[in-house]
PDB file of N, CA and C in Angstrom:
ATOM      1  N   UNK A   1       9.460 -36.357  17.556  1.00  0.00           N
ATOM      2  CA  UNK A   1      10.833 -36.963  17.624  1.00  0.00           C
ATOM      3  C   UNK A   1      11.524 -37.117  16.411  1.00  0.00           C
ATOM      4  N   UNK A   2      11.426 -37.961  15.201  1.00  0.00           N
ATOM      5  CA  UNK A   2      11.558 -38.148  13.993  1.00  0.00           C
ATOM      6  C   UNK A   2      12.390 -36.892  13.201  1.00  0.00           C
ATOM      7  N   UNK A   3      11.329 -35.978  12.951  1.00  0.00           N
ATOM      8  CA  UNK A   3      11.904 -34.713  12.568  1.00  0.00           C
ATOM      9  C   UNK A   3      13.135 -34.674  12.902  1.00  0.00           C
ATOM     10  N   UNK A   4      12.909 -33.846  14.458  1.00  0.00           N
ATOM     11  CA  UNK A   4      14.509 -34.036  14.745  1.00  0.00           C
ATOM     12  C   UNK A   4      15.694 -34.694  14.774  1.00  0.00           C
ATOM     13  N   UNK A   5      15.495 -36.141  14.561  1.00  0.00           N
ATOM     14  CA  UNK A   5      16.644 -37.233  14.377  1.00  0.00           C
ATOM     15  C   UNK A   5      16.783 -37.112  13.291  1.00  0.00           C
ATOM     16  N   UNK A   6      16.001 -36.664  11.976  1.00  0.00           N
ATOM     17  CA  UNK A   6      16.304 -36.825  10.593  1.00  0.00           C
ATOM     18  C   UNK A   6      17.166 -35.363  10.397  1.00  0.00           C
ATOM     19  N   UNK A   7      16.836 -34.186  11.137  1.00  0.00           N
ATOM     20  CA  UNK A   7      17.807 -33.470  10.793  1.00  0.00           C
ATOM     21  C   UNK A   7      19.187 -33.384  11.187  1.00  0.00           C
ATOM     22  N   UNK A   8      19.680 -34.335  12.407  1.00  0.00           N
ATOM     23  CA  UNK A   8      20.717 -34.199  12.693  1.00  0.00           C
ATOM     24  C   UNK A   8      21.593 -36.067  13.184  1.00  0.00           C
ATOM     25  N   UNK A   9      21.020 -36.691  12.355  1.00  0.00           N
ATOM     26  CA  UNK A   9      21.714 -37.873  11.612  1.00  0.00           C
ATOM     27  C   UNK A   9      22.864 -37.862  11.045  1.00  0.00           C
ATOM     28  N   UNK A  10      22.953 -36.376   9.703  1.00  0.00           N
ATOM     29  CA  UNK A  10      24.028 -36.692   8.833  1.00  0.00           C
ATOM     30  C   UNK A  10      25.356 -36.212   9.366  1.00  0.00           C
ATOM     31  N   UNK A  11      25.002 -34.997  10.147  1.00  0.00           N
ATOM     32  CA  UNK A  11      25.960 -34.515  11.013  1.00  0.00           C
ATOM     33  C   UNK A  11      26.710 -35.620  12.272  1.00  0.00           C
ATOM     34  N   UNK A  12      25.858 -36.247  12.569  1.00  0.00           N
ATOM     35  CA  UNK A  12      26.232 -37.421  13.914  1.00  0.00           C
ATOM     36  C   UNK A  12      26.991 -38.535  12.574  1.00  0.00           C
ATOM     37  N   UNK A  13      26.762 -38.478  11.732  1.00  0.00           N
ATOM     38  CA  UNK A  13      27.149 -39.797  11.103  1.00  0.00           C
ATOM     39  C   UNK A  13      28.669 -39.739  10.457  1.00  0.00           C
ATOM     40  N   UNK A  14      28.926 -38.252  10.470  1.00  0.00           N
ATOM     41  CA  UNK A  14      30.693 -37.635  10.256  1.00  0.00           C
ATOM     42  C   UNK A  14      31.310 -38.631  11.165  1.00  0.00           C
ATOM     43  N   UNK A  15      30.684 -38.920  12.295  1.00  0.00           N
ATOM     44  CA  UNK A  15      31.598 -39.354  13.426  1.00  0.00           C
ATOM     45  C   UNK A  15      31.927 -41.166  13.131  1.00  0.00           C
ATOM     46  N   UNK A  16      30.397 -41.858  13.307  1.00  0.00           N
ATOM     47  CA  UNK A  16      30.283 -43.088  12.953  1.00  0.00           C
ATOM     48  C   UNK A  16      29.390 -43.344  12.271  1.00  0.00           C
ATOM     49  N   UNK A  17      28.694 -44.561  11.671  1.00  0.00           N
ATOM     50  CA  UNK A  17      27.593 -44.832  10.656  1.00  0.00           C
ATOM     51  C   UNK A  17      26.721 -45.216  11.686  1.00  0.00           C
ATOM     52  N   UNK A  18      25.544 -44.639  11.016  1.00  0.00           N
ATOM     53  CA  UNK A  18      23.767 -45.472  11.773  1.00  0.00           C
ATOM     54  C   UNK A  18      23.922 -46.804  10.701  1.00  0.00           C
ATOM     55  N   UNK A  19      23.762 -48.281  11.576  1.00  0.00           N
ATOM     56  CA  UNK A  19      23.647 -48.935  10.804  1.00  0.00           C
ATOM     57  C   UNK A  19      21.993 -49.287  10.120  1.00  0.00           C
ATOM     58  N   UNK A  20      21.733 -49.330  11.633  1.00  0.00           N
ATOM     59  CA  UNK A  20      20.058 -49.332  11.648  1.00  0.00           C
ATOM     60  C   UNK A  20      19.350 -47.848  12.936  1.00  0.00           C
ATOM     61  N   UNK A  21      17.778 -47.975  12.130  1.00  0.00           N
ATOM     62  CA  UNK A  21      16.981 -46.975  13.286  1.00  0.00           C
ATOM     63  C   UNK A  21      15.572 -47.455  12.823  1.00  0.00           C
ATOM     64  N   UNK A  22      14.638 -47.740  13.795  1.00  0.00           N
ATOM     65  CA  UNK A  22      13.099 -48.162  13.351  1.00  0.00           C
ATOM     66  C   UNK A  22      12.887 -47.701  14.446  1.00  0.00           C
ATOM     67  N   UNK A  23      11.287 -48.042  14.241  1.00  0.00           N
ATOM     68  CA  UNK A  23      10.397 -47.584  15.538  1.00  0.00           C
ATOM     69  C   UNK A  23       9.372 -48.424  15.522  1.00  0.00           C
ATOM     70  N   UNK A  24       8.576 -48.954  16.492  1.00  0.00           N
ATOM     71  CA  UNK A  24       7.706 -49.785  16.423  1.00  0.00           C
ATOM     72  C   UNK A  24       6.285 -49.461  16.011  1.00  0.00           C
ATOM     73  N   UNK A  25       5.704 -50.578  15.396  1.00  0.00           N
ATOM     74  CA  UNK A  25       4.080 -50.431  14.928  1.00  0.00           C
ATOM     75  C   UNK A  25       4.115 -51.357  15.444  1.00  0.00           C
ATOM     76  N   UNK A  26       4.332 -53.112  15.760  1.00  0.00           N
ATOM     77  CA  UNK A  26       3.571 -53.715  16.575  1.00  0.00           C
ATOM     78  C   UNK A  26       4.201 -54.199  18.002  1.00  0.00           C
ATOM     79  N   UNK A  27       3.724 -54.613  19.183  1.00  0.00           N
ATOM     80  CA  UNK A  27       4.049 -55.309  20.260  1.00  0.00           C
ATOM     81  C   UNK A  27       4.004 -53.893  20.918  1.00  0.00           C
ATOM     82  N   UNK A  28       5.618 -53.669  21.463  1.00  0.00           N
ATOM     83  CA  UNK A  28       5.692 -52.465  22.626  1.00  0.00           C
ATOM     84  C   UNK A  28       5.632 -51.215  21.504  1.00  0.00           C
ATOM     85  N   UNK A  29       4.532 -50.337  22.160  1.00  0.00           N
ATOM     86  CA  UNK A  29       4.404 -49.397  21.202  1.00  0.00           C
ATOM     87  C   UNK A  29       5.529 -48.123  21.197  1.00  0.00           C
ATOM     88  N   UNK A  30       5.824 -47.011  20.685  1.00  0.00           N
ATOM     89  CA  UNK A  30       6.776 -45.860  21.253  1.00  0.00           C
ATOM     90  C   UNK A  30       7.748 -46.306  21.280  1.00  0.00           C
ATOM     91  N   UNK A  31       8.836 -47.292  20.772  1.00  0.00           N
ATOM     92  CA  UNK A  31       9.876 -47.959  20.948  1.00  0.00           C
ATOM     93  C   UNK A  31      10.332 -47.388  19.338  1.00  0.00           C
ATOM     94  N   UNK A  32      11.677 -47.028  20.035  1.00  0.00           N
ATOM     95  CA  UNK A  32      12.912 -46.642  19.000  1.00  0.00           C
ATOM     96  C   UNK A  32      13.863 -47.024  18.986  1.00  0.00           C
ATOM     97  N   UNK A  33      14.321 -47.491  18.177  1.00  0.00           N
ATOM     98  CA  UNK A  33      16.097 -48.107  18.385  1.00  0.00           C
ATOM     99  C   UNK A  33      16.387 -47.602  17.666  1.00  0.00           C
ATOM    100  N   UNK A  34      18.021 -47.437  17.810  1.00  0.00           N
ATOM    101  CA  UNK A  34      19.351 -46.887  16.586  1.00  0.00           C
ATOM    102  C   UNK A  34      20.579 -47.712  16.977  1.00  0.00           C
ATOM    103  N   UNK A  35      21.015 -48.247  15.962  1.00  0.00           N
ATOM    104  CA  UNK A  35      22.626 -49.110  15.760  1.00  0.00           C
ATOM    105  C   UNK A  35      23.455 -48.527  15.303  1.00  0.00           C
ATOM    106  N   UNK A  36      24.339 -47.728  15.852  1.00  0.00           N
ATOM    107  CA  UNK A  36      25.422 -47.479  15.698  1.00  0.00           C
ATOM    108  C   UNK A  36      26.511 -48.127  15.386  1.00  0.00           C
ATOM    109  N   UNK A  37      27.912 -48.023  14.441  1.00  0.00           N
ATOM    110  CA  UNK A  37      28.896 -48.604  14.173  1.00  0.00           C
ATOM    111  C   UNK A  37      30.382 -48.105  15.068  1.00  0.00           C
ATOM    112  N   UNK A  38      30.720 -49.228  15.712  1.00  0.00           N
ATOM    113  CA  UNK A  38      32.188 -48.537  16.263  1.00  0.00           C
ATOM    114  C   UNK A  38      32.975 -50.258  16.400  1.00  0.00           C
ATOM    115  N   UNK A  39      34.531 -49.537  16.494  1.00  0.00           N
ATOM    116  CA  UNK A  39      35.494 -50.475  16.266  1.00  0.00           C
ATOM    117  C   UNK A  39      35.594 -51.082  17.699  1.00  0.00           C
ATOM    118  N   UNK A  40      35.061 -50.773  18.502  1.00  0.00           N
ATOM    119  CA  UNK A  40      35.156 -51.560  19.842  1.00  0.00           C
ATOM    120  C   UNK A  40      34.412 -50.448  21.015  1.00  0.00           C
ATOM    121  N   UNK A  41      34.316 -50.537  21.880  1.00  0.00           N
ATOM    122  CA  UNK A  41      33.980 -49.844  23.331  1.00  0.00           C
ATOM    123  C   UNK A  41      34.868 -48.997  23.714  1.00  0.00           C
ATOM    124  N   UNK A  42      35.418 -48.389  23.339  1.00  0.00           N
ATOM    125  CA  UNK A  42      36.726 -47.351  23.643  1.00  0.00           C
ATOM    126  C   UNK A  42      36.493 -46.289  22.806  1.00  0.00           C
ATOM    127  N   UNK A  43      36.027 -46.739  20.908  1.00  0.00           N
ATOM    128  CA  UNK A  43      36.116 -46.045  19.824  1.00  0.00           C
ATOM    129  C   UNK A  43      34.455 -45.524  20.658  1.00  0.00           C
ATOM    130  N   UNK A  44      33.609 -46.476  21.141  1.00  0.00           N
ATOM    131  CA  UNK A  44      32.025 -45.816  21.269  1.00  0.00           C
ATOM    132  C   UNK A  44      32.625 -44.902  22.219  1.00  0.00           C
ATOM    133  N   UNK A  45      32.611 -44.563  23.191  1.00  0.00           N
ATOM    134  CA  UNK A  45      32.766 -44.162  24.249  1.00  0.00           C
ATOM    135  C   UNK A  45      33.584 -42.317  23.766  1.00  0.00           C
ATOM    136  N   UNK A  46      34.610 -42.779  22.936  1.00  0.00           N
ATOM    137  CA  UNK A  46      35.160 -41.161  22.294  1.00  0.00           C
ATOM    138  C   UNK A  46      34.383 -40.511  21.701  1.00  0.00           C
ATOM    139  N   UNK A  47      33.820 -41.310  20.500  1.00  0.00           N
ATOM    140  CA  UNK A  47      32.593 -40.889  19.515  1.00  0.00           C
ATOM    141  C   UNK A  47      31.326 -40.541  20.513  1.00  0.00           C
ATOM    142  N   UNK A  48      31.068 -40.949  21.391  1.00  0.00           N
ATOM    143  CA  UNK A  48      29.762 -40.550  21.986  1.00  0.00           C
ATOM    144  C   UNK A  48      30.425 -38.706  22.947  1.00  0.00           C
ATOM    145  N   UNK A  49      31.634 -39.280  23.436  1.00  0.00           N
ATOM    146  CA  UNK A  49      31.799 -37.807  24.294  1.00  0.00           C
ATOM    147  C   UNK A  49      31.965 -36.805  23.255  1.00  0.00           C
ATOM    148  N   UNK A  50      32.771 -36.990  22.115  1.00  0.00           N
ATOM    149  CA  UNK A  50      32.815 -35.788  20.429  1.00  0.00           C
ATOM    150  C   UNK A  50      31.489 -35.368  20.483  1.00  0.00           C
ATOM    151  N   UNK A  51      30.461 -36.739  20.137  1.00  0.00           N
ATOM    152  CA  UNK A  51      29.103 -35.753  19.316  1.00  0.00           C
ATOM    153  C   UNK A  51      28.704 -35.135  20.543  1.00  0.00           C
ATOM    154  N   UNK A  52      28.628 -34.979  21.713  1.00  0.00           N
ATOM    155  CA  UNK A  52      27.665 -34.277  22.843  1.00  0.00           C
ATOM    156  C   UNK A  52      28.804 -32.692  22.888  1.00  0.00           C
ATOM    157  N   UNK A  53      29.289 -32.498  22.606  1.00  0.00           N
ATOM    158  CA  UNK A  53      30.557 -31.020  22.461  1.00  0.00           C
ATOM    159  C   UNK A  53      29.786 -30.435  21.883  1.00  0.00           C
ATOM    160  N   UNK A  54      29.273 -30.232  20.830  1.00  0.00           N
ATOM    161  CA  UNK A  54      28.683 -29.320  19.953  1.00  0.00           C
ATOM    162  C   UNK A  54      26.989 -28.677  20.344  1.00  0.00           C
ATOM    163  N   UNK A  55      26.629 -29.863  21.168  1.00  0.00           N
ATOM    164  CA  UNK A  55      25.241 -29.667  21.517  1.00  0.00           C
ATOM    165  C   UNK A  55      24.468 -29.666  20.839  1.00  0.00           C
ATOM    166  N   UNK A  56      24.676 -30.395  19.387  1.00  0.00           N
ATOM    167  CA  UNK A  56      23.916 -31.249  18.491  1.00  0.00           C
ATOM    168  C   UNK A  56      23.459 -32.682  18.652  1.00  0.00           C
ATOM    169  N   UNK A  57      23.855 -33.283  19.734  1.00  0.00           N
ATOM    170  CA  UNK A  57      23.864 -34.586  19.613  1.00  0.00           C
ATOM    171  C   UNK A  57      23.353 -34.785  20.856  1.00  0.00           C
ATOM    172  N   UNK A  58      22.726 -35.738  21.724  1.00  0.00           N
ATOM    173  CA  UNK A  58      21.747 -36.018  21.330  1.00  0.00           C
ATOM    174  C   UNK A  58      20.606 -35.161  20.319  1.00  0.00           C
ATOM    175  N   UNK A  59      19.797 -35.164  19.705  1.00  0.00           N
ATOM    176  CA  UNK A  59      18.538 -34.428  19.616  1.00  0.00           C
ATOM    177  C   UNK A  59      17.849 -34.038  20.187  1.00  0.00           C
ATOM    178  N   UNK A  60      17.371 -32.461  20.147  1.00  0.00           N
ATOM    179  CA  UNK A  60      16.586 -32.160  21.109  1.00  0.00           C
ATOM    180  C   UNK A  60      14.902 -31.796  20.466  1.00  0.00           C
ATOM    181  N   UNK A  61      14.146 -32.633  20.684  1.00  0.00           N
ATOM    182  CA  UNK A  61      13.035 -33.105  20.448  1.00  0.00           C
ATOM    183  C   UNK A  61      11.621 -32.357  21.381  1.00  0.00           C
ATOM    184  N   UNK A  62      11.862 -32.315  22.453  1.00  0.00           N
ATOM    185  CA  UNK A  62      11.157 -32.674  23.469  1.00  0.00           C
ATOM    186  C   UNK A  62      10.520 -33.548  24.025  1.00  0.00           C
ATOM    187  N   UNK A  63      11.055 -34.811  24.030  1.00  0.00           N
ATOM    188  CA  UNK A  63      10.008 -35.987  24.187  1.00  0.00           C
ATOM    189  C   UNK A  63      11.868 -36.398  24.713  1.00  0.00           C
ATOM    190  N   UNK A  64      11.461 -36.986  25.889  1.00  0.00           N
ATOM    191  CA  UNK A  64      12.431 -38.192  26.897  1.00  0.00           C
ATOM    192  C   UNK A  64      12.022 -39.225  27.043  1.00  0.00           C
ATOM    193  N   UNK A  65      13.150 -39.935  26.998  1.00  0.00           N
ATOM    194  CA  UNK A  65      12.605 -41.912  26.988  1.00  0.00           C
ATOM    195  C   UNK A  65      12.072 -41.754  28.534  1.00  0.00           C
ATOM    196  N   UNK A  66      11.252 -42.311  28.552  1.00  0.00           N
ATOM    197  CA  UNK A  66      11.181 -43.443  30.231  1.00  0.00           C
ATOM    198  C   UNK A  66      12.189 -44.291  30.096  1.00  0.00           C
ATOM    199  N   UNK A  67      12.137 -44.712  29.511  1.00  0.00           N
ATOM    200  CA  UNK A  67      13.505 -45.764  29.617  1.00  0.00           C
ATOM    201  C   UNK A  67      14.460 -46.203  28.468  1.00  0.00           C
ATOM    202  N   UNK A  68      15.648 -46.163  28.784  1.00  0.00           N
ATOM    203  CA  UNK A  68      16.529 -46.459  28.113  1.00  0.00           C
ATOM    204  C   UNK A  68      17.796 -47.843  28.075  1.00  0.00           C
ATOM    205  N   UNK A  69      17.760 -48.455  26.845  1.00  0.00           N
ATOM    206  CA  UNK A  69      18.760 -49.747  26.883  1.00  0.00           C
ATOM    207  C   UNK A  69      20.236 -49.452  26.240  1.00  0.00           C
ATOM    208  N   UNK A  70      21.064 -50.247  26.482  1.00  0.00           N
ATOM    209  CA  UNK A  70      22.581 -50.031  25.693  1.00  0.00           C
ATOM    210  C   UNK A  70      22.874 -51.604  25.795  1.00  0.00           C
ATOM    211  N   UNK A  71      23.416 -51.767  24.448  1.00  0.00           N
ATOM    212  CA  UNK A  71      23.537 -53.004  23.831  1.00  0.00           C
ATOM    213  C   UNK A  71      24.741 -53.157  23.198  1.00  0.00           C
ATOM    214  N   UNK A  72      26.340 -53.696  24.031  1.00  0.00           N
ATOM    215  CA  UNK A  72      27.314 -53.777  22.896  1.00  0.00           C
ATOM    216  C   UNK A  72      27.412 -54.681  22.433  1.00  0.00           C
ATOM    217  N   UNK A  73      26.985 -55.279  20.934  1.00  0.00           N
ATOM    218  CA  UNK A  73      26.717 -56.352  19.891  1.00  0.00           C
ATOM    219  C   UNK A  73      28.314 -56.607  18.975  1.00  0.00           C
ATOM    220  N   UNK A  74      28.814 -58.043  19.132  1.00  0.00           N
ATOM    221  CA  UNK A  74      29.605 -58.084  18.024  1.00  0.00           C
ATOM    222  C   UNK A  74      29.275 -58.922  16.790  1.00  0.00           C
ATOM    223  N   UNK A  75      29.596 -58.253  15.602  1.00  0.00           N
ATOM    224  CA  UNK A  75      29.128 -58.967  14.131  1.00  0.00           C
ATOM    225  C   UNK A  75      29.414 -60.171  13.953  1.00  0.00           C
ATOM    226  N   UNK A  76      28.547 -60.822  13.590  1.00  0.00           N
ATOM    227  CA  UNK A  76      29.182 -62.013  13.017  1.00  0.00           C
ATOM    228  C   UNK A  76      30.227 -62.145  12.173  1.00  0.00           C
ATOM    229  N   UNK A  77      30.587 -63.189  12.188  1.00  0.00           N
ATOM    230  CA  UNK A  77      31.877 -63.954  10.968  1.00  0.00           C
ATOM    231  C   UNK A  77      31.493 -63.185   9.667  1.00  0.00           C
ATOM    232  N   UNK A  78      30.418 -63.514   9.163  1.00  0.00           N
ATOM    233  CA  UNK A  78      30.092 -62.825   8.096  1.00  0.00           C
ATOM    234  C   UNK A  78      29.414 -62.028   7.584  1.00  0.00           C
ATOM    235  N   UNK A  79      29.307 -60.836   8.669  1.00  0.00           N
ATOM    236  CA  UNK A  79      28.190 -59.706   8.804  1.00  0.00           C
ATOM    237  C   UNK A  79      29.740 -58.662   7.490  1.00  0.00           C
ATOM    238  N   UNK A  80      28.619 -58.108   7.214  1.00  0.00           N
ATOM    239  CA  UNK A  80      29.269 -56.849   6.432  1.00  0.00           C
ATOM    240  C   UNK A  80      29.876 -55.538   7.255  1.00  0.00           C
ATOM    241  N   UNK A  81      29.625 -55.852   8.294  1.00  0.00           N
ATOM    242  CA  UNK A  81      29.936 -54.614   9.370  1.00  0.00           C
ATOM    243  C   UNK A  81      31.385 -55.121   9.981  1.00  0.00           C
ATOM    244  N   UNK A  82      31.636 -56.217   9.836  1.00  0.00           N
ATOM    245  CA  UNK A  82      32.982 -56.479  10.092  1.00  0.00           C
ATOM    246  C   UNK A  82      34.316 -56.088   9.533  1.00  0.00           C
TER     247      UNK A  82
END
């Protein structure tokens, strides 16, 4: 999975930046987290739809998630993501 993502992320970042991406080594194993930057929820919907058009996103690795969570977070006033 990480190899497939490593190849696909540069193309996906042309639409919006990847702020963070990590896997777990402690606690809940086999957890994969990725955080993308969007202006607002409408921007997120537009970019996610656009990213799927070419069939390059999400990366196809043969591994499917058992569970998925989505969260919309607003950066604090001092965050460089503002």
